[in-house]
Amino acid sequence: VDPNAHGSGFDRVGAFQDGYDNGLAACKGYRDDDPM
């Protein structure tokens, strides 16, 4: 919840892989705490 938080490496690489594997529609669905 830090206003400057960008995510851990685990989070950031996971999000990148999500888009790479599952496409833009998966990214569009992002909401707070989803993905974890």
All heavy atoms as atom14 arrays in JSON, in Angstrom:
{
  "sequence": "VDPNAHGSGFDRVGAFQDGYDNGLAACKGYRDDDPM",
  "atom14_mask": [
    [1, 1, 1, 1, 1, 1, 1, 0, 0, 0, 0, 0, 0, 0],
    [1, 1, 1, 1, 1, 1, 1, 1, 0, 0, 0, 0, 0, 0],
    [1, 1, 1, 1, 1, 1, 1, 0, 0, 0, 0, 0, 0, 0],
    [1, 1, 1, 1, 1, 1, 1, 1, 0, 0, 0, 0, 0, 0],
    [1, 1, 1, 1, 1, 0, 0, 0, 0, 0, 0, 0, 0, 0],
    [1, 1, 1, 1, 1, 1, 1, 1, 1, 1, 0, 0, 0, 0],
    [1, 1, 1, 1, 0, 0, 0, 0, 0, 0, 0, 0, 0, 0],
    [1, 1, 1, 1, 1, 1, 0, 0, 0, 0, 0, 0, 0, 0],
    [1, 1, 1, 1, 0, 0, 0, 0, 0, 0, 0, 0, 0, 0],
    [1, 1, 1, 1, 1, 1, 1, 1, 1, 1, 1, 0, 0, 0],
    [1, 1, 1, 1, 1, 1, 1, 1, 0, 0, 0, 0, 0, 0],
    [1, 1, 1, 1, 1, 1, 1, 1, 1, 1, 1, 0, 0, 0],
    [1, 1, 1, 1, 1, 1, 1, 0, 0, 0, 0, 0, 0, 0],
    [1, 1, 1, 1, 0, 0, 0, 0, 0, 0, 0, 0, 0, 0],
    [1, 1, 1, 1, 1, 0, 0, 0, 0, 0, 0, 0, 0, 0],
    [1, 1, 1, 1, 1, 1, 1, 1, 1, 1, 1, 0, 0, 0],
    [1, 1, 1, 1, 1, 1, 1, 1, 1, 0, 0, 0, 0, 0],
    [1, 1, 1, 1, 1, 1, 1, 1, 0, 0, 0, 0, 0, 0],
    [1, 1, 1, 1, 0, 0, 0, 0, 0, 0, 0, 0, 0, 0],
    [1, 1, 1, 1, 1, 1, 1, 1, 1, 1, 1, 1, 0, 0],
    [1, 1, 1, 1, 1, 1, 1, 1, 0, 0, 0, 0, 0, 0],
    [1, 1, 1, 1, 1, 1, 1, 1, 0, 0, 0, 0, 0, 0],
    [1, 1, 1, 1, 0, 0, 0, 0, 0, 0, 0, 0, 0, 0],
    [1, 1, 1, 1, 1, 1, 1, 1, 0, 0, 0, 0, 0, 0],
    [1, 1, 1, 1, 1, 0, 0, 0, 0, 0, 0, 0, 0, 0],
    [1, 1, 1, 1, 1, 0, 0, 0, 0, 0, 0, 0, 0, 0],
    [1, 1, 1, 1, 1, 1, 0, 0, 0, 0, 0, 0, 0, 0],
    [1, 1, 1, 1, 1, 1, 1, 1, 1, 0, 0, 0, 0, 0],
    [1, 1, 1, 1, 0, 0, 0, 0, 0, 0, 0, 0, 0, 0],
    [1, 1, 1, 1, 1, 1, 1, 1, 1, 1, 1, 1, 0, 0],
    [1, 1, 1, 1, 1, 1, 1, 1, 1, 1, 1, 0, 0, 0],
    [1, 1, 1, 1, 1, 1, 1, 1, 0, 0, 0, 0, 0, 0],
    [1, 1, 1, 1, 1, 1, 1, 1, 0, 0, 0, 0, 0, 0],
    [1, 1, 1, 1, 1, 1, 1, 1, 0, 0, 0, 0, 0, 0],
    [1, 1, 1, 1, 1, 1, 1, 0, 0, 0, 0, 0, 0, 0],
    [1, 1, 1, 1, 1, 1, 1, 1, 0, 0, 0, 0, 0, 0]
  ],
  "atom14_positions": [
    [[0.82, -1.21, 0.0], [0.0, 0.0, 0.0], [0.85, 1.26, 0.0], [0.32, 2.37, 0.02], [-0.98, 0.01, 1.21], [-1.95, -1.14, 1.1], [-0.23, -0.01, 2.53], [0.0, 0.0, 0.0], [0.0, 0.0, 0.0], [0.0, 0.0, 0.0], [0.0, 0.0, 0.0], [0.0, 0.0, 0.0], [0.0, 0.0, 0.0], [0.0, 0.0, 0.0]],
    [[2.16, 1.11, -0.03], [3.05, 2.27, -0.15], [2.72, 2.99, -1.46], [2.63, 2.36, -2.52], [4.5, 1.79, -0.15], [5.51, 2.92, -0.09], [5.37, 3.89, -0.87], [6.46, 2.84, 0.71], [0.0, 0.0, 0.0], [0.0, 0.0, 0.0], [0.0, 0.0, 0.0], [0.0, 0.0, 0.0], [0.0, 0.0, 0.0], [0.0, 0.0, 0.0]],
    [[2.55, 4.31, -1.43], [2.19, 5.02, -2.67], [3.27, 4.97, -3.74], [3.01, 5.32, -4.89], [1.94, 6.46, -2.18], [2.63, 6.56, -0.87], [2.56, 5.21, -0.26], [0.0, 0.0, 0.0], [0.0, 0.0, 0.0], [0.0, 0.0, 0.0], [0.0, 0.0, 0.0], [0.0, 0.0, 0.0], [0.0, 0.0, 0.0], [0.0, 0.0, 0.0]],
    [[4.49, 4.55, -3.36], [5.55, 4.42, -4.35], [5.85, 2.97, -4.72], [6.79, 2.7, -5.45], [6.84, 5.07, -3.82], [6.7, 6.58, -3.67], [6.21, 7.25, -4.57], [7.11, 7.1, -2.53], [0.0, 0.0, 0.0], [0.0, 0.0, 0.0], [0.0, 0.0, 0.0], [0.0, 0.0, 0.0], [0.0, 0.0, 0.0], [0.0, 0.0, 0.0]],
    [[5.05, 2.03, -4.22], [5.32, 0.61, -4.45], [5.12, 0.25, -5.92], [4.13, 0.64, -6.54], [4.42, -0.25, -3.57], [0.0, 0.0, 0.0], [0.0, 0.0, 0.0], [0.0, 0.0, 0.0], [0.0, 0.0, 0.0], [0.0, 0.0, 0.0], [0.0, 0.0, 0.0], [0.0, 0.0, 0.0], [0.0, 0.0, 0.0], [0.0, 0.0, 0.0]],
    [[6.07, -0.52, -6.45], [5.97, -1.02, -7.83], [5.85, -2.53, -7.87], [5.59, -3.1, -8.94], [7.22, -0.61, -8.63], [7.24, 0.83, -9.02], [7.07, 1.86, -8.14], [7.43, 1.41, -10.24], [7.15, 3.02, -8.78], [7.36, 2.77, -10.05], [0.0, 0.0, 0.0], [0.0, 0.0, 0.0], [0.0, 0.0, 0.0], [0.0, 0.0, 0.0]],
    [[6.06, -3.19, -6.74], [6.0, -4.65, -6.7], [7.38, -5.26, -6.52], [8.39, -4.7, -6.95], [0.0, 0.0, 0.0], [0.0, 0.0, 0.0], [0.0, 0.0, 0.0], [0.0, 0.0, 0.0], [0.0, 0.0, 0.0], [0.0, 0.0, 0.0], [0.0, 0.0, 0.0], [0.0, 0.0, 0.0], [0.0, 0.0, 0.0], [0.0, 0.0, 0.0]],
    [[7.4, -6.41, -5.86], [8.65, -7.16, -5.75], [9.03, -7.71, -7.12], [8.23, -7.68, -8.07], [8.46, -8.31, -4.76], [7.56, -9.28, -5.3], [0.0, 0.0, 0.0], [0.0, 0.0, 0.0], [0.0, 0.0, 0.0], [0.0, 0.0, 0.0], [0.0, 0.0, 0.0], [0.0, 0.0, 0.0], [0.0, 0.0, 0.0], [0.0, 0.0, 0.0]],
    [[10.24, -8.23, -7.22], [10.63, -8.88, -8.47], [9.72, -10.04, -8.81], [9.36, -10.25, -9.97], [0.0, 0.0, 0.0], [0.0, 0.0, 0.0], [0.0, 0.0, 0.0], [0.0, 0.0, 0.0], [0.0, 0.0, 0.0], [0.0, 0.0, 0.0], [0.0, 0.0, 0.0], [0.0, 0.0, 0.0], [0.0, 0.0, 0.0], [0.0, 0.0, 0.0]],
    [[9.33, -10.81, -7.79], [8.4, -11.92, -7.97], [7.09, -11.42, -8.57], [6.54, -12.02, -9.5], [8.16, -12.6, -6.62], [7.25, -13.79, -6.67], [7.75, -15.05, -6.99], [5.91, -13.67, -6.36], [6.92, -16.16, -7.01], [5.07, -14.78, -6.39], [5.57, -16.02, -6.71], [0.0, 0.0, 0.0], [0.0, 0.0, 0.0], [0.0, 0.0, 0.0]],
    [[6.56, -10.32, -8.03], [5.3, -9.76, -8.52], [5.45, -9.24, -9.95], [4.6, -9.48, -10.81], [4.84, -8.61, -7.62], [4.51, -9.06, -6.21], [3.97, -10.17, -6.05], [4.78, -8.3, -5.26], [0.0, 0.0, 0.0], [0.0, 0.0, 0.0], [0.0, 0.0, 0.0], [0.0, 0.0, 0.0], [0.0, 0.0, 0.0], [0.0, 0.0, 0.0]],
    [[6.53, -8.51, -10.2], [6.68, -7.84, -11.48], [6.94, -8.85, -12.61], [6.34, -8.75, -13.69], [7.8, -6.8, -11.42], [7.55, -5.71, -10.39], [8.38, -4.47, -10.65], [7.94, -3.81, -11.88], [8.45, -2.65, -12.31], [9.41, -2.05, -11.64], [8.0, -2.11, -13.42], [0.0, 0.0, 0.0], [0.0, 0.0, 0.0], [0.0, 0.0, 0.0]],
    [[7.81, -9.8, -12.35], [8.06, -10.83, -13.36], [6.79, -11.64, -13.6], [6.46, -12.0, -14.74], [9.24, -11.72, -12.95], [9.35, -12.93, -13.88], [10.53, -10.93, -12.98], [0.0, 0.0, 0.0], [0.0, 0.0, 0.0], [0.0, 0.0, 0.0], [0.0, 0.0, 0.0], [0.0, 0.0, 0.0], [0.0, 0.0, 0.0], [0.0, 0.0, 0.0]],
    [[6.05, -11.92, -12.51], [4.81, -12.67, -12.66], [3.79, -11.94, -13.51], [3.1, -12.55, -14.34], [0.0, 0.0, 0.0], [0.0, 0.0, 0.0], [0.0, 0.0, 0.0], [0.0, 0.0, 0.0], [0.0, 0.0, 0.0], [0.0, 0.0, 0.0], [0.0, 0.0, 0.0], [0.0, 0.0, 0.0], [0.0, 0.0, 0.0], [0.0, 0.0, 0.0]],
    [[3.67, -10.63, -13.32], [2.73, -9.85, -14.13], [3.16, -9.83, -15.59], [2.34, -9.96, -16.51], [2.62, -8.43, -13.58], [0.0, 0.0, 0.0], [0.0, 0.0, 0.0], [0.0, 0.0, 0.0], [0.0, 0.0, 0.0], [0.0, 0.0, 0.0], [0.0, 0.0, 0.0], [0.0, 0.0, 0.0], [0.0, 0.0, 0.0], [0.0, 0.0, 0.0]],
    [[4.46, -9.66, -15.82], [4.98, -9.68, -17.19], [4.67, -11.03, -17.84], [4.2, -11.1, -18.99], [6.48, -9.41, -17.17], [7.12, -9.39, -18.53], [7.17, -8.22, -19.28], [7.68, -10.54, -19.07], [7.76, -8.19, -20.53], [8.27, -10.53, -20.33], [8.31, -9.36, -21.06], [0.0, 0.0, 0.0], [0.0, 0.0, 0.0], [0.0, 0.0, 0.0]],
    [[4.91, -12.12, -17.11], [4.62, -13.45, -17.65], [3.13, -13.64, -17.9], [2.74, -14.31, -18.86], [5.13, -14.53, -16.69], [6.64, -14.68, -16.7], [7.08, -15.87, -15.87], [6.64, -16.03, -14.74], [7.98, -16.68, -16.41], [0.0, 0.0, 0.0], [0.0, 0.0, 0.0], [0.0, 0.0, 0.0], [0.0, 0.0, 0.0], [0.0, 0.0, 0.0]],
    [[2.29, -13.06, -17.06], [0.85, -13.17, -17.24], [0.45, -12.58, -18.59], [-0.31, -13.19, -19.36], [0.13, -12.45, -16.09], [-1.35, -12.73, -16.04], [-1.81, -13.7, -16.68], [-2.07, -11.98, -15.34], [0.0, 0.0, 0.0], [0.0, 0.0, 0.0], [0.0, 0.0, 0.0], [0.0, 0.0, 0.0], [0.0, 0.0, 0.0], [0.0, 0.0, 0.0]],
    [[0.95, -11.39, -18.89], [0.64, -10.79, -20.18], [1.22, -11.56, -21.34], [0.58, -11.74, -22.38], [0.0, 0.0, 0.0], [0.0, 0.0, 0.0], [0.0, 0.0, 0.0], [0.0, 0.0, 0.0], [0.0, 0.0, 0.0], [0.0, 0.0, 0.0], [0.0, 0.0, 0.0], [0.0, 0.0, 0.0], [0.0, 0.0, 0.0], [0.0, 0.0, 0.0]],
    [[2.45, -12.04, -21.15], [3.13, -12.8, -22.21], [2.38, -14.09, -22.51], [2.2, -14.46, -23.67], [4.56, -13.1, -21.75], [5.45, -13.7, -22.82], [6.25, -12.88, -23.62], [5.51, -15.07, -23.02], [7.08, -13.42, -24.59], [6.33, -15.62, -23.99], [7.11, -14.8, -24.78], [7.93, -15.35, -25.74], [0.0, 0.0, 0.0], [0.0, 0.0, 0.0]],
    [[1.93, -14.79, -21.47], [1.28, -16.08, -21.64], [-0.21, -15.98, -21.97], [-0.73, -16.78, -22.74], [1.43, -16.92, -20.37], [2.85, -17.36, -20.11], [3.65, -17.4, -21.07], [3.18, -17.66, -18.94], [0.0, 0.0, 0.0], [0.0, 0.0, 0.0], [0.0, 0.0, 0.0], [0.0, 0.0, 0.0], [0.0, 0.0, 0.0], [0.0, 0.0, 0.0]],
    [[-0.89, -15.02, -21.35], [-2.35, -15.0, -21.38], [-2.96, -13.84, -22.13], [-4.19, -13.8, -22.3], [-2.88, -15.02, -19.94], [-2.4, -16.25, -19.18], [-2.44, -17.35, -19.69], [-1.91, -16.04, -17.96], [0.0, 0.0, 0.0], [0.0, 0.0, 0.0], [0.0, 0.0, 0.0], [0.0, 0.0, 0.0], [0.0, 0.0, 0.0], [0.0, 0.0, 0.0]],
    [[-2.14, -12.89, -22.57], [-2.65, -11.82, -23.42], [-3.2, -10.63, -22.66], [-3.32, -10.62, -21.44], [0.0, 0.0, 0.0], [0.0, 0.0, 0.0], [0.0, 0.0, 0.0], [0.0, 0.0, 0.0], [0.0, 0.0, 0.0], [0.0, 0.0, 0.0], [0.0, 0.0, 0.0], [0.0, 0.0, 0.0], [0.0, 0.0, 0.0], [0.0, 0.0, 0.0]],
    [[-3.57, -9.62, -23.42], [-3.97, -8.32, -22.86], [-5.26, -8.4, -22.06], [-5.44, -7.62, -21.12], [-4.12, -7.3, -23.99], [-2.88, -7.03, -24.84], [-3.22, -6.05, -25.95], [-1.73, -6.51, -24.0], [0.0, 0.0, 0.0], [0.0, 0.0, 0.0], [0.0, 0.0, 0.0], [0.0, 0.0, 0.0], [0.0, 0.0, 0.0], [0.0, 0.0, 0.0]],
    [[-6.16, -9.3, -22.41], [-7.42, -9.39, -21.68], [-7.18, -9.73, -20.22], [-7.9, -9.26, -19.32], [-8.34, -10.41, -22.33], [0.0, 0.0, 0.0], [0.0, 0.0, 0.0], [0.0, 0.0, 0.0], [0.0, 0.0, 0.0], [0.0, 0.0, 0.0], [0.0, 0.0, 0.0], [0.0, 0.0, 0.0], [0.0, 0.0, 0.0], [0.0, 0.0, 0.0]],
    [[-6.16, -10.58, -19.96], [-5.83, -10.9, -18.56], [-5.37, -9.65, -17.83], [-5.72, -9.44, -16.66], [-4.74, -11.97, -18.53], [0.0, 0.0, 0.0], [0.0, 0.0, 0.0], [0.0, 0.0, 0.0], [0.0, 0.0, 0.0], [0.0, 0.0, 0.0], [0.0, 0.0, 0.0], [0.0, 0.0, 0.0], [0.0, 0.0, 0.0], [0.0, 0.0, 0.0]],
    [[-4.62, -8.8, -18.5], [-4.12, -7.57, -17.87], [-5.26, -6.6, -17.58], [-5.27, -5.93, -16.54], [-3.11, -6.89, -18.78], [-1.82, -7.96, -19.44], [0.0, 0.0, 0.0], [0.0, 0.0, 0.0], [0.0, 0.0, 0.0], [0.0, 0.0, 0.0], [0.0, 0.0, 0.0], [0.0, 0.0, 0.0], [0.0, 0.0, 0.0], [0.0, 0.0, 0.0]],
    [[-6.2, -6.52, -18.49], [-7.32, -5.6, -18.31], [-8.07, -5.89, -17.02], [-8.6, -4.98, -16.38], [-8.26, -5.7, -19.5], [-9.47, -4.78, -19.41], [-10.45, -5.01, -20.56], [-11.68, -4.14, -20.4], [-12.69, -4.4, -21.48], [0.0, 0.0, 0.0], [0.0, 0.0, 0.0], [0.0, 0.0, 0.0], [0.0, 0.0, 0.0], [0.0, 0.0, 0.0]],
    [[-8.1, -7.16, -16.61], [-8.86, -7.54, -15.43], [-8.18, -7.26, -14.11], [-8.75, -7.58, -13.06], [0.0, 0.0, 0.0], [0.0, 0.0, 0.0], [0.0, 0.0, 0.0], [0.0, 0.0, 0.0], [0.0, 0.0, 0.0], [0.0, 0.0, 0.0], [0.0, 0.0, 0.0], [0.0, 0.0, 0.0], [0.0, 0.0, 0.0], [0.0, 0.0, 0.0]],
    [[-6.99, -6.68, -14.1], [-6.28, -6.44, -12.84], [-7.08, -5.49, -11.95], [-7.6, -4.46, -12.41], [-4.9, -5.86, -13.1], [-3.84, -6.89, -13.42], [-4.16, -8.07, -14.08], [-2.51, -6.69, -13.07], [-3.19, -9.02, -14.38], [-1.53, -7.63, -13.35], [-1.88, -8.79, -14.01], [-0.92, -9.73, -14.29], [0.0, 0.0, 0.0], [0.0, 0.0, 0.0]],
    [[-7.14, -5.85, -10.68], [-7.76, -5.02, -9.64], [-6.9, -5.1, -8.4], [-6.03, -5.98, -8.28], [-9.19, -5.5, -9.32], [-10.15, -5.45, -10.49], [-10.46, -4.03, -10.92], [-11.45, -3.98, -12.01], [-11.14, -3.95, -13.3], [-9.86, -4.01, -13.68], [-12.09, -3.89, -14.21], [0.0, 0.0, 0.0], [0.0, 0.0, 0.0], [0.0, 0.0, 0.0]],
    [[-7.09, -4.25, -7.43], [-6.32, -4.31, -6.19], [-6.43, -5.7, -5.58], [-7.54, -6.22, -5.39], [-6.8, -3.25, -5.2], [-6.38, -1.84, -5.6], [-5.42, -1.71, -6.38], [-7.02, -0.88, -5.12], [0.0, 0.0, 0.0], [0.0, 0.0, 0.0], [0.0, 0.0, 0.0], [0.0, 0.0, 0.0], [0.0, 0.0, 0.0], [0.0, 0.0, 0.0]],
    [[-5.28, -6.3, -5.28], [-5.16, -7.64, -4.7], [-5.56, -8.75, -5.64], [-5.68, -9.91, -5.22], [-5.95, -7.74, -3.39], [-5.43, -6.78, -2.33], [-4.19, -6.67, -2.19], [-6.25, -6.12, -1.66], [0.0, 0.0, 0.0], [0.0, 0.0, 0.0], [0.0, 0.0, 0.0], [0.0, 0.0, 0.0], [0.0, 0.0, 0.0], [0.0, 0.0, 0.0]],
    [[-5.76, -8.47, -6.88], [-6.04, -9.48, -7.9], [-5.32, -9.06, -9.18], [-5.84, -8.23, -9.93], [-7.54, -9.6, -8.14], [-7.87, -10.72, -9.14], [-6.97, -11.55, -9.4], [-9.01, -10.74, -9.64], [0.0, 0.0, 0.0], [0.0, 0.0, 0.0], [0.0, 0.0, 0.0], [0.0, 0.0, 0.0], [0.0, 0.0, 0.0], [0.0, 0.0, 0.0]],
    [[-4.11, -9.57, -9.41], [-3.48, -10.69, -8.73], [-2.94, -10.33, -7.33], [-2.73, -9.17, -7.02], [-2.33, -11.07, -9.67], [-1.97, -9.78, -10.33], [-3.28, -9.05, -10.52], [0.0, 0.0, 0.0], [0.0, 0.0, 0.0], [0.0, 0.0, 0.0], [0.0, 0.0, 0.0], [0.0, 0.0, 0.0], [0.0, 0.0, 0.0], [0.0, 0.0, 0.0]],
    [[-2.71, -11.38, -6.55], [-2.16, -11.23, -5.23], [-0.78, -10.58, -5.3], [0.02, -10.88, -6.19], [-2.07, -12.61, -4.58], [-1.33, -12.69, -3.27], [-1.36, -14.38, -2.61], [-0.62, -15.31, -3.96], [0.0, 0.0, 0.0], [0.0, 0.0, 0.0], [0.0, 0.0, 0.0], [0.0, 0.0, 0.0], [0.0, 0.0, 0.0], [0.0, 0.0, 0.0]]
  ]
}
